[in-house]
Amino acid sequence: MTLTRLTRLFARLREYQHRRYSRQQLLELELHQLKDIGLSRADAVREGSKPFWKA
């Protein structure tokens, strides 16, 4: 495997990890916090429930 392919692979893995973490954090927000960012609980659940590989 070339260095470029490895670099892309690690970048993709970091992206997946970031998505998983961000979505978990979104699910933990209180209702007033969601309101502050313009989301409903349903919006948060819909986004937070996506698999990490889906953008």
PDB file of N, CA and C in Angstrom:
ATOM      1  N   MET A   1       0.854  -1.180   0.000  1.00  0.00           N
ATOM      2  CA  MET A   1       0.000   0.000   0.000  1.00  0.00           C
ATOM      3  C   MET A   1       0.898   1.241   0.000  1.00  0.00           C
ATOM      4  N   THR A   2       0.571   2.188  -0.822  1.00  0.00           N
ATOM      5  CA  THR A   2       1.404   3.382  -0.922  1.00  0.00           C
ATOM      6  C   THR A   2       1.117   4.335   0.239  1.00  0.00           C
ATOM      7  N   LEU A   3       2.035   5.244   0.443  1.00  0.00           N
ATOM      8  CA  LEU A   3       1.890   6.232   1.514  1.00  0.00           C
ATOM      9  C   LEU A   3       0.640   7.085   1.310  1.00  0.00           C
ATOM     10  N   THR A   4       0.355   7.440   0.084  1.00  0.00           N
ATOM     11  CA  THR A   4      -0.832   8.252  -0.214  1.00  0.00           C
ATOM     12  C   THR A   4      -2.113   7.513   0.168  1.00  0.00           C
ATOM     13  N   ARG A   5      -2.166   6.251  -0.157  1.00  0.00           N
ATOM     14  CA  ARG A   5      -3.364   5.463   0.187  1.00  0.00           C
ATOM     15  C   ARG A   5      -3.510   5.322   1.698  1.00  0.00           C
ATOM     16  N   LEU A   6      -2.395   5.123   2.392  1.00  0.00           N
ATOM     17  CA  LEU A   6      -2.437   5.037   3.855  1.00  0.00           C
ATOM     18  C   LEU A   6      -2.879   6.360   4.472  1.00  0.00           C
ATOM     19  N   THR A   7      -2.384   7.440   3.927  1.00  0.00           N
ATOM     20  CA  THR A   7      -2.764   8.769   4.417  1.00  0.00           C
ATOM     21  C   THR A   7      -4.256   8.990   4.251  1.00  0.00           C
ATOM     22  N   ARG A   8      -4.784   8.618   3.100  1.00  0.00           N
ATOM     23  CA  ARG A   8      -6.226   8.756   2.858  1.00  0.00           C
ATOM     24  C   ARG A   8      -7.029   7.861   3.788  1.00  0.00           C
ATOM     25  N   LEU A   9      -6.538   6.655   4.009  1.00  0.00           N
ATOM     26  CA  LEU A   9      -7.220   5.724   4.909  1.00  0.00           C
ATOM     27  C   LEU A   9      -7.288   6.291   6.333  1.00  0.00           C
ATOM     28  N   PHE A  10      -6.174   6.786   6.838  1.00  0.00           N
ATOM     29  CA  PHE A  10      -6.170   7.355   8.179  1.00  0.00           C
ATOM     30  C   PHE A  10      -7.034   8.607   8.268  1.00  0.00           C
ATOM     31  N   ALA A  11      -7.053   9.398   7.220  1.00  0.00           N
ATOM     32  CA  ALA A  11      -7.915  10.582   7.204  1.00  0.00           C
ATOM     33  C   ALA A  11      -9.385  10.174   7.254  1.00  0.00           C
ATOM     34  N   ARG A  12      -9.735   9.137   6.523  1.00  0.00           N
ATOM     35  CA  ARG A  12     -11.110   8.639   6.524  1.00  0.00           C
ATOM     36  C   ARG A  12     -11.484   8.107   7.901  1.00  0.00           C
ATOM     37  N   LEU A  13     -10.581   7.379   8.542  1.00  0.00           N
ATOM     38  CA  LEU A  13     -10.842   6.855   9.885  1.00  0.00           C
ATOM     39  C   LEU A  13     -11.031   7.975  10.904  1.00  0.00           C
ATOM     40  N   ARG A  14     -10.223   9.026  10.797  1.00  0.00           N
ATOM     41  CA  ARG A  14     -10.386  10.188  11.690  1.00  0.00           C
ATOM     42  C   ARG A  14     -11.741  10.857  11.464  1.00  0.00           C
ATOM     43  N   GLU A  15     -12.141  10.963  10.206  1.00  0.00           N
ATOM     44  CA  GLU A  15     -13.443  11.548   9.870  1.00  0.00           C
ATOM     45  C   GLU A  15     -14.572  10.723  10.479  1.00  0.00           C
ATOM     46  N   TYR A  16     -14.498   9.415  10.367  1.00  0.00           N
ATOM     47  CA  TYR A  16     -15.517   8.534  10.948  1.00  0.00           C
ATOM     48  C   TYR A  16     -15.570   8.686  12.467  1.00  0.00           C
ATOM     49  N   GLN A  17     -14.406   8.744  13.078  1.00  0.00           N
ATOM     50  CA  GLN A  17     -14.349   8.895  14.530  1.00  0.00           C
ATOM     51  C   GLN A  17     -14.969  10.231  14.960  1.00  0.00           C
ATOM     52  N   HIS A  18     -14.665  11.279  14.216  1.00  0.00           N
ATOM     53  CA  HIS A  18     -15.228  12.596  14.529  1.00  0.00           C
ATOM     54  C   HIS A  18     -16.750  12.585  14.386  1.00  0.00           C
ATOM     55  N   ARG A  19     -17.264  11.980  13.328  1.00  0.00           N
ATOM     56  CA  ARG A  19     -18.716  11.898  13.143  1.00  0.00           C
ATOM     57  C   ARG A  19     -19.388  11.160  14.295  1.00  0.00           C
ATOM     58  N   ARG A  20     -18.785  10.023  14.680  1.00  0.00           N
ATOM     59  CA  ARG A  20     -19.368   9.223  15.755  1.00  0.00           C
ATOM     60  C   ARG A  20     -19.403  10.023  17.058  1.00  0.00           C
ATOM     61  N   TYR A  21     -18.304  10.704  17.363  1.00  0.00           N
ATOM     62  CA  TYR A  21     -18.231  11.509  18.571  1.00  0.00           C
ATOM     63  C   TYR A  21     -19.235  12.669  18.527  1.00  0.00           C
ATOM     64  N   SER A  22     -19.277  13.378  17.420  1.00  0.00           N
ATOM     65  CA  SER A  22     -20.179  14.530  17.280  1.00  0.00           C
ATOM     66  C   SER A  22     -21.641  14.122  17.392  1.00  0.00           C
ATOM     67  N   ARG A  23     -21.980  13.022  16.784  1.00  0.00           N
ATOM     68  CA  ARG A  23     -23.372  12.557  16.835  1.00  0.00           C
ATOM     69  C   ARG A  23     -23.751  12.106  18.236  1.00  0.00           C
ATOM     70  N   GLN A  24     -22.812  11.492  18.934  1.00  0.00           N
ATOM     71  CA  GLN A  24     -23.080  11.102  20.319  1.00  0.00           C
ATOM     72  C   GLN A  24     -23.296  12.345  21.186  1.00  0.00           C
ATOM     73  N   GLN A  25     -22.460  13.353  20.979  1.00  0.00           N
ATOM     74  CA  GLN A  25     -22.604  14.595  21.737  1.00  0.00           C
ATOM     75  C   GLN A  25     -23.939  15.268  21.439  1.00  0.00           C
ATOM     76  N   LEU A  26     -24.352  15.252  20.202  1.00  0.00           N
ATOM     77  CA  LEU A  26     -25.630  15.836  19.807  1.00  0.00           C
ATOM     78  C   LEU A  26     -26.781  15.166  20.546  1.00  0.00           C
ATOM     79  N   LEU A  27     -26.727  13.852  20.668  1.00  0.00           N
ATOM     80  CA  LEU A  27     -27.791  13.114  21.357  1.00  0.00           C
ATOM     81  C   LEU A  27     -27.844  13.429  22.857  1.00  0.00           C
ATOM     82  N   GLU A  28     -26.751  13.919  23.406  1.00  0.00           N
ATOM     83  CA  GLU A  28     -26.690  14.211  24.834  1.00  0.00           C
ATOM     84  C   GLU A  28     -27.091  15.643  25.186  1.00  0.00           C
ATOM     85  N   LEU A  29     -27.343  16.472  24.175  1.00  0.00           N
ATOM     86  CA  LEU A  29     -27.724  17.860  24.445  1.00  0.00           C
ATOM     87  C   LEU A  29     -29.112  17.935  25.070  1.00  0.00           C
ATOM     88  N   GLU A  30     -29.270  18.904  25.961  1.00  0.00           N
ATOM     89  CA  GLU A  30     -30.570  19.187  26.571  1.00  0.00           C
ATOM     90  C   GLU A  30     -31.444  19.924  25.559  1.00  0.00           C
ATOM     91  N   LEU A  31     -32.735  19.908  25.812  1.00  0.00           N
ATOM     92  CA  LEU A  31     -33.685  20.533  24.892  1.00  0.00           C
ATOM     93  C   LEU A  31     -33.378  22.022  24.679  1.00  0.00           C
ATOM     94  N   HIS A  32     -33.045  22.747  25.746  1.00  0.00           N
ATOM     95  CA  HIS A  32     -32.748  24.180  25.590  1.00  0.00           C
ATOM     96  C   HIS A  32     -31.474  24.401  24.768  1.00  0.00           C
ATOM     97  N   GLN A  33     -30.522  23.482  24.852  1.00  0.00           N
ATOM     98  CA  GLN A  33     -29.309  23.588  24.048  1.00  0.00           C
ATOM     99  C   GLN A  33     -29.608  23.338  22.574  1.00  0.00           C
ATOM    100  N   LEU A  34     -30.462  22.369  22.322  1.00  0.00           N
ATOM    101  CA  LEU A  34     -30.866  22.112  20.938  1.00  0.00           C
ATOM    102  C   LEU A  34     -31.594  23.321  20.359  1.00  0.00           C
ATOM    103  N   LYS A  35     -32.450  23.919  21.167  1.00  0.00           N
ATOM    104  CA  LYS A  35     -33.179  25.104  20.719  1.00  0.00           C
ATOM    105  C   LYS A  35     -32.208  26.231  20.361  1.00  0.00           C
ATOM    106  N   ASP A  36     -31.153  26.383  21.162  1.00  0.00           N
ATOM    107  CA  ASP A  36     -30.151  27.424  20.896  1.00  0.00           C
ATOM    108  C   ASP A  36     -29.492  27.262  19.533  1.00  0.00           C
ATOM    109  N   ILE A  37     -29.343  26.024  19.074  1.00  0.00           N
ATOM    110  CA  ILE A  37     -28.706  25.801  17.769  1.00  0.00           C
ATOM    111  C   ILE A  37     -29.728  25.540  16.665  1.00  0.00           C
ATOM    112  N   GLY A  38     -31.003  25.712  16.999  1.00  0.00           N
ATOM    113  CA  GLY A  38     -32.048  25.635  15.986  1.00  0.00           C
ATOM    114  C   GLY A  38     -32.469  24.230  15.602  1.00  0.00           C
ATOM    115  N   LEU A  39     -32.318  23.280  16.528  1.00  0.00           N
ATOM    116  CA  LEU A  39     -32.714  21.899  16.242  1.00  0.00           C
ATOM    117  C   LEU A  39     -33.789  21.435  17.210  1.00  0.00           C
ATOM    118  N   SER A  40     -34.626  20.552  16.743  1.00  0.00           N
ATOM    119  CA  SER A  40     -35.600  19.907  17.617  1.00  0.00           C
ATOM    120  C   SER A  40     -34.998  18.592  18.104  1.00  0.00           C
ATOM    121  N   ARG A  41     -35.642  17.972  19.082  1.00  0.00           N
ATOM    122  CA  ARG A  41     -35.173  16.668  19.554  1.00  0.00           C
ATOM    123  C   ARG A  41     -35.233  15.658  18.402  1.00  0.00           C
ATOM    124  N   ALA A  42     -36.283  15.740  17.585  1.00  0.00           N
ATOM    125  CA  ALA A  42     -36.408  14.823  16.444  1.00  0.00           C
ATOM    126  C   ALA A  42     -35.251  15.005  15.462  1.00  0.00           C
ATOM    127  N   ASP A  43     -34.864  16.256  15.211  1.00  0.00           N
ATOM    128  CA  ASP A  43     -33.721  16.518  14.326  1.00  0.00           C
ATOM    129  C   ASP A  43     -32.450  15.885  14.889  1.00  0.00           C
ATOM    130  N   ALA A  44     -32.246  16.066  16.195  1.00  0.00           N
ATOM    131  CA  ALA A  44     -31.050  15.531  16.847  1.00  0.00           C
ATOM    132  C   ALA A  44     -31.034  14.008  16.795  1.00  0.00           C
ATOM    133  N   VAL A  45     -32.169  13.398  17.045  1.00  0.00           N
ATOM    134  CA  VAL A  45     -32.242  11.932  17.017  1.00  0.00           C
ATOM    135  C   VAL A  45     -32.010  11.423  15.597  1.00  0.00           C
ATOM    136  N   ARG A  46     -32.585  12.098  14.620  1.00  0.00           N
ATOM    137  CA  ARG A  46     -32.412  11.679  13.223  1.00  0.00           C
ATOM    138  C   ARG A  46     -30.924  11.745  12.833  1.00  0.00           C
ATOM    139  N   GLU A  47     -30.266  12.840  13.166  1.00  0.00           N
ATOM    140  CA  GLU A  47     -28.850  12.983  12.828  1.00  0.00           C
ATOM    141  C   GLU A  47     -27.975  12.073  13.699  1.00  0.00           C
ATOM    142  N   GLY A  48     -28.274  12.031  14.974  1.00  0.00           N
ATOM    143  CA  GLY A  48     -27.470  11.248  15.897  1.00  0.00           C
ATOM    144  C   GLY A  48     -27.566   9.755  15.697  1.00  0.00           C
ATOM    145  N   SER A  49     -28.624   9.316  15.045  1.00  0.00           N
ATOM    146  CA  SER A  49     -28.832   7.883  14.821  1.00  0.00           C
ATOM    147  C   SER A  49     -28.222   7.373  13.511  1.00  0.00           C
ATOM    148  N   LYS A  50     -27.708   8.289  12.716  1.00  0.00           N
ATOM    149  CA  LYS A  50     -27.082   7.874  11.456  1.00  0.00           C
ATOM    150  C   LYS A  50     -25.823   7.064  11.750  1.00  0.00           C
ATOM    151  N   PRO A  51     -25.540   6.078  10.927  1.00  0.00           N
ATOM    152  CA  PRO A  51     -24.268   5.359  11.067  1.00  0.00           C
ATOM    153  C   PRO A  51     -23.102   6.311  10.783  1.00  0.00           C
ATOM    154  N   PHE A  52     -21.965   6.051  11.400  1.00  0.00           N
ATOM    155  CA  PHE A  52     -20.818   6.966  11.270  1.00  0.00           C
ATOM    156  C   PHE A  52     -20.316   7.098   9.843  1.00  0.00           C
ATOM    157  N   TRP A  53     -20.579   6.117   8.995  1.00  0.00           N
ATOM    158  CA  TRP A  53     -20.059   6.187   7.631  1.00  0.00           C
ATOM    159  C   TRP A  53     -20.942   7.014   6.702  1.00  0.00           C
ATOM    160  N   LYS A  54     -22.121   7.435   7.169  1.00  0.00           N
ATOM    161  CA  LYS A  54     -22.996   8.262   6.334  1.00  0.00           C
ATOM    162  C   LYS A  54     -22.809   9.731   6.675  1.00  0.00           C
ATOM    163  N   ALA A  55     -22.643  10.525   5.635  1.00  0.00           N
ATOM    164  CA  ALA A  55     -22.456  11.969   5.834  1.00  0.00           C
ATOM    165  C   ALA A  55     -23.763  12.648   6.126  1.00  0.00           C
TER     166      ALA A  55
END
